[in-house]
């Protein structure tokens, strides 16, 4: 392979690696692909545009079981919904329903048939469909001595629809059951109760920007090996800029377009080595550490509460858990003229968030931080990539077109959203 094609392709791959290492890993869709280290070439400019999307109606819970979309944090216990919520008034008929429901005994039952279906009184399973459409712009510029700069700008359309609340209450004749009067009264007034506490359960759709990123990197290629074609390494560090929207705490199905407006520090490393003029093996690791932020959040007020529905809303310091990603890939480089193919595996993990309420008397941290929505998540993803490089030898411009599919195969507390996408990019070799 001639050096011009190799250099250009390597730059493309590093561009995508930088692009996907920042505002990349999210619980709601498959983790994007990372690639090879950036080529060390003075003055090289690279611009890329990515368009991708996907949808799902399923997710994985804490035990890695496939469940309805919004049961990834467990089913939604309405029996305990009003426990510990500040501001309830016994003169308010809606609050009275919450109190009377909580005074009934809890009850789980298992069906006698072969399915052994488990039911739980006053509990919802919430199903729905999630879809995403993303556009991403990446601009990179090389300087001297292997240093380079990268700027990344994402736009996302997040949508939740086809929502279904399924009552899991027992249907037998033992009380309490699905026909218990106070439970029926709760269901008839469910929307009014949510409205009293500032919650909306209608379908959700928003188009907005995600979190931008700006980084400086250093790359170097070792090509004096007697065995390998090359050994490339790249190190990067920079800032995640919180330009995305926060989760709308007044909408039950709102999803933040970034990381809830937290600043972040990014550190990552890439390596690759090549052999036989066509085979490349490589790996990647990145770390994203967030600054703390005080904001208005929904908080758990009863130890038995579960799921995504919480009535209490107040100020708390939010400490986001560290997010990291690691993976490896194998690539057949230009095996058919300009065509290359790649398969990769990546693992992304986010540790537990911690909330410190501003009013710890109303919201004991020992209760608030038992919320499974704070417990973090992880995801295993397989990435498939095909790319055609149109670069001609000694050409100023090097255009490329890629198509890819990201398939989540397992995880904890994540959506099972596969992503199909494409990329158009161009490298500009100013030194030619």
Protein backbone atom coordinates (compact mmCIF):
# COMPACT_ATOMS: atom_id res chain seq x y z
CA UNK A 1 0.00 0.00 0.00
CA UNK A 2 1.43 3.39 -0.88
CA UNK A 3 2.15 5.86 1.92
CA UNK A 4 -0.35 8.46 0.69
CA UNK A 5 -3.32 6.09 0.94
CA UNK A 6 -2.16 4.73 4.28
CA UNK A 7 -1.71 8.19 5.73
CA UNK A 8 -5.09 9.40 4.59
CA UNK A 9 -6.92 6.31 5.81
CA UNK A 10 -5.22 6.47 9.17
CA UNK A 11 -6.33 10.07 9.56
CA UNK A 12 -9.91 9.11 8.78
CA UNK A 13 -9.86 6.41 11.38
CA UNK A 14 -8.39 8.60 14.06
CA UNK A 15 -10.95 11.28 13.28
CA UNK A 16 -13.73 8.83 13.96
CA UNK A 17 -11.99 7.66 17.11
CA UNK A 18 -11.87 11.20 18.44
CA UNK A 19 -15.42 11.84 17.37
CA UNK A 20 -16.81 8.86 19.19
CA UNK A 21 -14.72 9.07 22.35
CA UNK A 22 -16.39 12.16 23.84
CA UNK A 23 -20.17 12.58 23.91
CA UNK A 24 -20.41 8.93 22.88
CA UNK A 25 -21.38 6.41 25.53
CA UNK A 26 -25.03 6.78 26.58
CA UNK A 27 -27.43 4.29 28.15
CA UNK A 28 -30.04 4.81 25.42
CA UNK A 29 -28.15 3.56 22.33
CA UNK A 30 -25.25 1.39 21.20
CA UNK A 31 -21.77 2.79 21.75
CA UNK A 32 -20.19 4.17 18.60
CA UNK A 33 -17.04 2.76 17.04
CA UNK A 34 -13.52 3.89 17.82
CA UNK A 35 -10.65 3.51 15.38
CA UNK A 36 -6.92 3.79 14.81
CA UNK A 37 -4.54 6.47 16.09
CA UNK A 38 -4.27 9.67 14.07
CA UNK A 39 -1.55 9.86 11.43
CA UNK A 40 1.40 12.11 12.24
CA UNK A 41 1.38 14.50 9.29
CA UNK A 42 2.08 18.21 9.57
CA UNK A 43 -0.77 20.54 8.56
CA UNK A 44 -3.33 17.84 7.69
CA UNK A 45 -6.97 18.98 7.97
CA UNK A 46 -9.89 16.61 8.33
CA UNK A 47 -13.64 17.19 8.27
CA UNK A 48 -16.32 14.52 8.77
CA UNK A 49 -20.10 14.40 8.88
CA UNK A 50 -21.93 11.44 10.42
CA UNK A 51 -25.63 10.60 10.23
CA UNK A 52 -27.03 7.67 12.20
CA UNK A 53 -30.20 6.43 13.83
CA UNK A 54 -32.03 3.53 15.43
CA UNK A 55 -34.97 2.50 17.59
CA UNK A 56 -35.96 -0.11 20.16
CA UNK A 57 -38.76 -1.22 22.44
CA UNK A 58 -36.60 -3.26 24.83
CA UNK A 59 -33.79 -2.85 27.33
CA UNK A 60 -31.70 -4.81 29.85
CA UNK A 61 -32.33 -4.56 33.60
CA UNK A 62 -29.81 -4.95 36.45
CA UNK A 63 -29.79 -8.73 35.94
CA UNK A 64 -29.18 -8.41 32.15
CA UNK A 65 -32.70 -9.65 31.43
CA UNK A 66 -34.52 -8.25 28.38
CA UNK A 67 -37.45 -6.19 29.71
CA UNK A 68 -39.96 -3.59 28.49
CA UNK A 69 -38.23 -0.30 27.72
CA UNK A 70 -38.83 1.59 30.98
CA UNK A 71 -38.47 -1.41 33.29
CA UNK A 72 -34.68 -1.28 33.10
CA UNK A 73 -34.70 0.23 36.62
CA UNK A 74 -37.29 -2.23 37.85
CA UNK A 75 -41.08 -2.14 37.70
CA UNK A 76 -42.87 0.98 38.96
CA UNK A 77 -44.25 0.58 42.48
CA UNK A 78 -47.31 2.85 42.83
CA UNK A 79 -48.21 1.33 46.19
CA UNK A 80 -45.39 3.32 47.82
CA UNK A 81 -45.43 6.30 45.46
CA UNK A 82 -46.60 8.86 48.03
CA UNK A 83 -44.47 7.66 50.96
CA UNK A 84 -42.27 10.43 52.37
CA UNK A 85 -43.24 13.00 49.73
CA UNK A 86 -43.08 16.50 51.29
CA UNK A 87 -46.08 18.81 50.96
CA UNK A 88 -48.88 16.24 51.01
CA UNK A 89 -52.14 17.51 52.47
CA UNK A 90 -54.87 15.31 53.90
CA UNK A 91 -57.40 17.89 52.72
CA UNK A 92 -56.38 17.23 49.13
CA UNK A 93 -58.30 14.27 47.67
CA UNK A 94 -55.39 13.28 45.41
CA UNK A 95 -52.97 13.10 48.32
CA UNK A 96 -55.56 11.18 50.30
CA UNK A 97 -55.61 8.54 47.55
CA UNK A 98 -51.82 8.18 47.84
CA UNK A 99 -52.02 7.78 51.61
CA UNK A 100 -54.88 5.28 51.53
CA UNK A 101 -53.15 3.20 48.85
CA UNK A 102 -49.94 3.03 50.89
CA UNK A 103 -51.87 1.75 53.94
CA UNK A 104 -52.94 -1.41 52.12
CA UNK A 105 -50.68 -4.45 52.49
CA UNK A 106 -48.26 -5.17 49.69
CA UNK A 107 -48.74 -8.38 47.78
CA UNK A 108 -46.85 -10.46 45.22
CA UNK A 109 -48.25 -13.55 43.57
CA UNK A 110 -47.02 -16.18 41.13
CA UNK A 111 -49.35 -17.74 38.61
CA UNK A 112 -50.01 -21.48 38.83
CA UNK A 113 -49.49 -22.06 35.10
CA UNK A 114 -46.26 -23.14 33.41
CA UNK A 115 -45.20 -19.54 32.78
CA UNK A 116 -44.92 -18.80 36.54
CA UNK A 117 -45.72 -15.15 35.91
CA UNK A 118 -45.04 -12.86 38.88
CA UNK A 119 -47.57 -10.17 39.71
CA UNK A 120 -47.33 -7.34 42.23
CA UNK A 121 -50.16 -5.24 43.58
CA UNK A 122 -50.33 -1.59 42.50
CA UNK A 123 -47.35 -1.89 40.15
CA UNK A 124 -46.89 -0.76 36.55
CA UNK A 125 -44.69 -2.17 33.85
CA UNK A 126 -44.02 0.65 31.38
CA UNK A 127 -43.45 -0.21 27.74
CA UNK A 128 -42.75 2.14 24.86
CA UNK A 129 -40.61 2.81 21.82
CA UNK A 130 -37.43 4.90 21.76
CA UNK A 131 -35.89 6.28 18.58
CA UNK A 132 -32.91 8.48 17.88
CA UNK A 133 -31.54 10.36 14.87
CA UNK A 134 -28.08 11.91 15.22
CA UNK A 135 -25.92 14.14 13.10
CA UNK A 136 -22.30 14.80 14.10
CA UNK A 137 -19.71 17.20 12.71
CA UNK A 138 -16.01 16.74 13.41
CA UNK A 139 -13.15 19.06 12.46
CA UNK A 140 -9.50 18.23 13.12
CA UNK A 141 -6.26 20.07 12.44
CA UNK A 142 -2.69 18.78 12.71
CA UNK A 143 0.17 20.98 13.87
CA UNK A 144 3.92 20.33 14.19
CA UNK A 145 5.63 17.52 16.10
CA UNK A 146 2.56 15.25 16.17
CA UNK A 147 0.23 17.67 17.98
CA UNK A 148 -3.33 18.18 16.75
CA UNK A 149 -6.65 19.79 17.74
CA UNK A 150 -10.14 18.38 17.51
CA UNK A 151 -13.59 19.98 17.76
CA UNK A 152 -16.80 17.97 17.86
CA UNK A 153 -20.45 19.09 17.54
CA UNK A 154 -23.45 16.68 17.84
CA UNK A 155 -27.15 17.20 17.09
CA UNK A 156 -29.77 14.71 18.31
CA UNK A 157 -33.44 14.02 17.89
CA UNK A 158 -34.70 11.89 20.80
CA UNK A 159 -38.23 10.49 20.75
CA UNK A 160 -40.32 8.28 23.05
CA UNK A 161 -43.77 7.14 21.91
CA UNK A 162 -46.13 4.12 21.85
CA UNK A 163 -46.17 4.28 25.67
CA UNK A 164 -48.14 1.62 27.52
CA UNK A 165 -48.70 1.31 31.29
CA UNK A 166 -49.40 -2.36 32.08
CA UNK A 167 -51.02 -3.13 35.45
CA UNK A 168 -49.17 -6.03 37.12
CA UNK A 169 -51.65 -6.39 39.99
CA UNK A 170 -52.89 -9.94 40.75
CA UNK A 171 -56.13 -10.87 39.00
CA UNK A 172 -57.25 -13.56 41.45
CA UNK A 173 -59.84 -13.20 44.23
CA UNK A 174 -57.36 -12.58 47.05
CA UNK A 175 -57.19 -8.98 48.25
CA UNK A 176 -55.61 -6.66 47.45
CA UNK A 177 -55.86 -7.30 43.72
CA UNK A 178 -56.47 -5.53 40.43
CA UNK A 179 -60.07 -4.75 41.43
CA UNK A 180 -59.35 -3.25 44.86
CA UNK A 181 -61.38 0.02 44.95
CA UNK A 182 -58.59 2.36 46.09
CA UNK A 183 -56.31 1.00 43.35
CA UNK A 184 -59.00 1.58 40.76
CA UNK A 185 -59.48 5.11 42.15
CA UNK A 186 -55.73 5.73 41.88
CA UNK A 187 -55.69 4.61 38.25
CA UNK A 188 -58.64 6.84 37.39
CA UNK A 189 -56.85 9.83 38.94
CA UNK A 190 -53.31 8.93 37.91
CA UNK A 191 -52.87 11.81 35.46
CA UNK A 192 -54.27 14.28 37.98
CA UNK A 193 -51.83 13.03 40.63
CA UNK A 194 -48.91 13.40 38.26
CA UNK A 195 -50.08 16.89 37.28
CA UNK A 196 -50.32 17.94 40.94
CA UNK A 197 -46.63 17.08 41.32
CA UNK A 198 -45.58 18.64 38.02
CA UNK A 199 -45.21 15.47 35.95
CA UNK A 200 -46.31 14.78 32.37
CA UNK A 201 -46.46 11.24 30.95
CA UNK A 202 -47.25 12.10 27.33
CA UNK A 203 -44.95 11.02 24.45
CA UNK A 204 -41.70 12.96 24.29
CA UNK A 205 -39.76 14.37 21.33
CA UNK A 206 -36.93 16.90 21.22
CA UNK A 207 -34.33 17.97 18.69
CA UNK A 208 -31.34 19.74 20.18
CA UNK A 209 -27.55 19.78 20.33
CA UNK A 210 -25.52 17.44 22.51
CA UNK A 211 -22.35 18.23 24.43
CA UNK A 212 -19.50 19.71 22.41
CA UNK A 213 -15.87 18.75 22.96
CA UNK A 214 -12.50 20.40 22.36
CA UNK A 215 -9.26 18.43 22.73
CA UNK A 216 -5.53 18.56 22.14
CA UNK A 217 -3.69 15.41 21.19
CA UNK A 218 -0.27 14.01 20.41
CA UNK A 219 0.39 11.12 18.05
CA UNK A 220 3.43 9.21 16.92
CA UNK A 221 4.05 6.37 14.45
CA UNK A 222 6.91 3.88 14.89
CA UNK A 223 7.78 2.36 11.51
CA UNK A 224 11.29 0.97 12.06
CA UNK A 225 10.17 -2.47 13.21
CA UNK A 226 11.64 -5.50 11.43
CA UNK A 227 8.46 -7.51 12.12
CA UNK A 228 5.51 -5.10 12.03
CA UNK A 229 4.53 -2.56 9.40
CA UNK A 230 3.91 0.10 12.05
CA UNK A 231 3.09 0.72 15.71
CA UNK A 232 0.99 3.86 16.25
CA UNK A 233 0.07 5.56 19.53
CA UNK A 234 -2.10 8.57 20.29
CA UNK A 235 -2.92 10.36 23.55
CA UNK A 236 -5.57 13.04 23.98
CA UNK A 237 -6.98 15.26 26.69
CA UNK A 238 -9.58 17.98 26.67
CA UNK A 239 -12.90 19.30 27.89
CA UNK A 240 -16.49 18.23 27.48
CA UNK A 241 -18.49 21.44 27.08
CA UNK A 242 -22.05 21.15 28.51
CA UNK A 243 -24.04 22.59 25.61
CA UNK A 244 -26.68 19.82 25.64
CA UNK A 245 -30.05 20.08 27.36
CA UNK A 246 -30.70 18.74 30.85
CA UNK A 247 -33.32 16.11 31.51
CA UNK A 248 -36.69 17.86 31.82
CA UNK A 249 -37.69 16.77 35.32
CA UNK A 250 -41.30 17.69 34.61
CA UNK A 251 -41.57 15.15 31.79
CA UNK A 252 -41.53 11.49 32.77
CA UNK A 253 -39.87 10.31 29.55
CA UNK A 254 -37.39 13.15 29.01
CA UNK A 255 -33.83 12.12 28.17
CA UNK A 256 -30.88 14.53 28.40
CA UNK A 257 -29.18 15.26 25.08
CA UNK A 258 -25.77 15.28 26.77
CA UNK A 259 -24.68 14.65 30.36
CA UNK A 260 -27.12 16.93 32.21
CA UNK A 261 -24.96 20.03 31.66
CA UNK A 262 -21.97 18.78 33.63
CA UNK A 263 -18.50 19.87 32.59
CA UNK A 264 -16.19 16.96 31.93
CA UNK A 265 -12.49 16.15 31.64
CA UNK A 266 -11.60 13.73 28.84
CA UNK A 267 -8.51 11.52 28.71
CA UNK A 268 -8.03 8.74 26.17
CA UNK A 269 -5.41 6.61 24.47
CA UNK A 270 -5.32 4.65 21.22
CA UNK A 271 -2.83 2.18 19.83
CA UNK A 272 -2.57 0.07 16.69
CA UNK A 273 -0.10 -2.16 14.93
CA UNK A 274 -0.12 -3.43 11.36
CA UNK A 275 1.22 -6.44 9.53
CA UNK A 276 1.18 -8.06 6.09
CA UNK A 277 0.37 -4.69 4.44
CA UNK A 278 -3.37 -5.20 5.06
CA UNK A 279 -4.02 -6.35 8.66
CA UNK A 280 -4.46 -3.92 11.55
CA UNK A 281 -5.12 -4.72 15.21
CA UNK A 282 -5.80 -2.00 17.73
CA UNK A 283 -7.29 -0.94 21.01
CA UNK A 284 -8.78 2.05 22.76
CA UNK A 285 -9.40 3.36 26.27
CA UNK A 286 -11.03 6.60 27.36
CA UNK A 287 -12.12 8.15 30.63
CA UNK A 288 -14.64 10.93 31.26
CA UNK A 289 -14.71 12.55 34.71
CA UNK A 290 -17.47 15.03 35.53
CA UNK A 291 -17.60 18.15 37.69
CA UNK A 292 -20.33 18.31 40.35
CA UNK A 293 -23.43 20.41 39.74
CA UNK A 294 -26.41 21.51 41.83
CA UNK A 295 -29.76 21.28 40.07
CA UNK A 296 -33.43 20.48 40.59
CA UNK A 297 -33.96 16.70 40.43
CA UNK A 298 -36.57 14.06 41.17
CA UNK A 299 -35.69 12.15 44.35
CA UNK A 300 -36.75 8.90 45.93
CA UNK A 301 -38.54 9.39 49.28
CA UNK A 302 -39.42 5.82 50.28
CA UNK A 303 -37.15 2.79 50.45
CA UNK A 304 -39.67 0.58 48.63
CA UNK A 305 -40.23 3.00 45.76
CA UNK A 306 -38.96 1.70 42.42
CA UNK A 307 -38.94 2.58 38.74
CA UNK A 308 -38.87 5.92 36.94
CA UNK A 309 -41.81 7.69 38.65
CA UNK A 310 -40.92 9.93 41.60
CA UNK A 311 -43.11 12.78 42.87
CA UNK A 312 -40.58 14.74 44.96
CA UNK A 313 -38.67 17.52 43.15
CA UNK A 314 -36.03 19.66 44.86
CA UNK A 315 -32.45 20.97 44.70
CA UNK A 316 -29.55 18.56 45.16
CA UNK A 317 -25.85 18.40 44.39
CA UNK A 318 -25.39 15.85 41.65
CA UNK A 319 -22.09 13.94 41.44
CA UNK A 320 -22.07 12.02 38.18
CA UNK A 321 -20.21 8.72 38.20
CA UNK A 322 -17.10 8.32 36.06
CA UNK A 323 -17.69 7.02 32.54
CA UNK A 324 -15.11 4.85 30.79
CA UNK A 325 -14.86 2.79 27.64
CA UNK A 326 -12.41 0.15 26.41
CA UNK A 327 -12.31 -1.99 23.31
CA UNK A 328 -10.37 -3.69 20.55
CA UNK A 329 -10.74 -4.20 16.81
CA UNK A 330 -9.43 -6.07 13.79
CA UNK A 331 -9.41 -4.52 10.32
CA UNK A 332 -8.79 -5.69 6.77
CA UNK A 333 -7.28 -2.56 5.20
CA UNK A 334 -7.85 -1.90 1.47
CA UNK A 335 -8.39 -5.58 0.77
CA UNK A 336 -10.33 -4.77 -2.42
CA UNK A 337 -8.97 -1.59 -4.01
CA UNK A 338 -10.20 1.20 -1.68
CA UNK A 339 -12.52 -1.03 0.38
CA UNK A 340 -11.76 -1.74 4.04
CA UNK A 341 -13.73 -3.71 6.64
CA UNK A 342 -13.57 -3.70 10.42
CA UNK A 343 -15.11 -5.56 13.36
CA UNK A 344 -14.77 -4.24 16.92
CA UNK A 345 -15.92 -4.92 20.45
CA UNK A 346 -16.35 -2.21 23.09
CA UNK A 347 -17.38 -2.14 26.73
CA UNK A 348 -18.71 1.09 28.26
CA UNK A 349 -19.41 1.53 31.95
CA UNK A 350 -20.69 4.37 34.09
CA UNK A 351 -20.37 4.22 37.87
CA UNK A 352 -23.03 5.27 40.37
CA UNK A 353 -24.25 8.87 40.66
CA UNK A 354 -24.56 10.41 44.13
CA UNK A 355 -27.19 12.99 45.15
CA UNK A 356 -26.74 15.23 48.18
CA UNK A 357 -30.07 17.01 48.79
CA UNK A 358 -29.85 20.63 49.86
CA UNK A 359 -32.46 19.78 52.52
CA UNK A 360 -31.33 16.50 54.06
CA UNK A 361 -34.11 16.60 56.68
CA UNK A 362 -36.80 16.28 54.00
CA UNK A 363 -34.70 14.02 51.78
CA UNK A 364 -32.38 11.69 53.73
CA UNK A 365 -29.42 10.77 51.49
CA UNK A 366 -29.63 7.18 52.77
CA UNK A 367 -33.03 6.91 51.08
CA UNK A 368 -32.42 9.14 48.05
CA UNK A 369 -29.33 7.20 46.94
CA UNK A 370 -31.07 3.82 46.91
CA UNK A 371 -32.70 4.88 43.63
CA UNK A 372 -31.72 2.34 40.97
CA UNK A 373 -31.68 5.12 38.35
CA UNK A 374 -28.50 6.34 40.09
CA UNK A 375 -26.78 2.96 40.17
CA UNK A 376 -24.88 3.33 36.91
CA UNK A 377 -24.96 1.15 33.82
CA UNK A 378 -22.80 -0.81 31.40
CA UNK A 379 -23.04 -1.98 27.81
CA UNK A 380 -21.36 -4.49 25.50
CA UNK A 381 -21.37 -3.50 21.81
CA UNK A 382 -20.21 -5.14 18.58
CA UNK A 383 -19.39 -2.71 15.75
CA UNK A 384 -19.30 -3.49 12.03
CA UNK A 385 -17.79 -1.02 9.58
CA UNK A 386 -17.30 -0.81 5.79
CA UNK A 387 -15.47 2.06 4.15
CA UNK A 388 -14.41 3.03 0.65
CA UNK A 389 -11.47 5.39 0.21
CA UNK A 390 -11.55 7.42 -3.03
CA UNK A 391 -8.16 9.01 -2.42
CA UNK A 392 -5.85 9.24 -5.42
CA UNK A 393 -2.08 9.29 -5.05
CA UNK A 394 -0.65 12.82 -4.69
CA UNK A 395 -4.17 14.30 -4.48
CA UNK A 396 -4.83 17.36 -2.33
CA UNK A 397 -8.25 16.05 -1.31
CA UNK A 398 -9.02 12.58 0.01
CA UNK A 399 -12.80 11.84 0.17
CA UNK A 400 -14.17 8.77 1.95
CA UNK A 401 -17.58 7.13 2.45
CA UNK A 402 -18.39 4.69 5.27
CA UNK A 403 -21.37 2.66 6.45
CA UNK A 404 -21.62 1.00 9.85
CA UNK A 405 -23.85 -0.86 12.27
CA UNK A 406 -23.47 -0.81 16.07
CA UNK A 407 -25.17 -3.70 17.83
CA UNK A 408 -25.59 -3.78 21.63
CA UNK A 409 -25.45 -7.41 22.76
CA UNK A 410 -25.86 -7.12 26.54
CA UNK A 411 -25.82 -4.66 29.39
CA UNK A 412 -27.22 -3.43 32.69
CA UNK A 413 -29.86 -0.66 32.88
CA UNK A 414 -29.55 0.24 29.19
CA UNK A 415 -31.76 0.40 26.11
CA UNK A 416 -31.13 -2.19 23.38
CA UNK A 417 -30.93 0.36 20.56
CA UNK A 418 -28.98 -0.76 17.52
CA UNK A 419 -27.55 2.04 15.36
CA UNK A 420 -27.21 2.15 11.57
CA UNK A 421 -25.23 5.02 10.11
CA UNK A 422 -23.04 6.51 7.44
CA UNK A 423 -20.14 8.93 7.17
CA UNK A 424 -18.74 11.25 4.55
CA UNK A 425 -15.32 12.71 5.21
CA UNK A 426 -12.49 14.50 3.49
CA UNK A 427 -8.78 14.95 4.30
CA UNK A 428 -6.84 17.91 2.97
CA UNK A 429 -3.09 17.40 2.59
CA UNK A 430 -1.75 20.97 2.50
CA UNK A 431 1.87 19.80 2.12
CA UNK A 432 1.33 18.29 -1.35
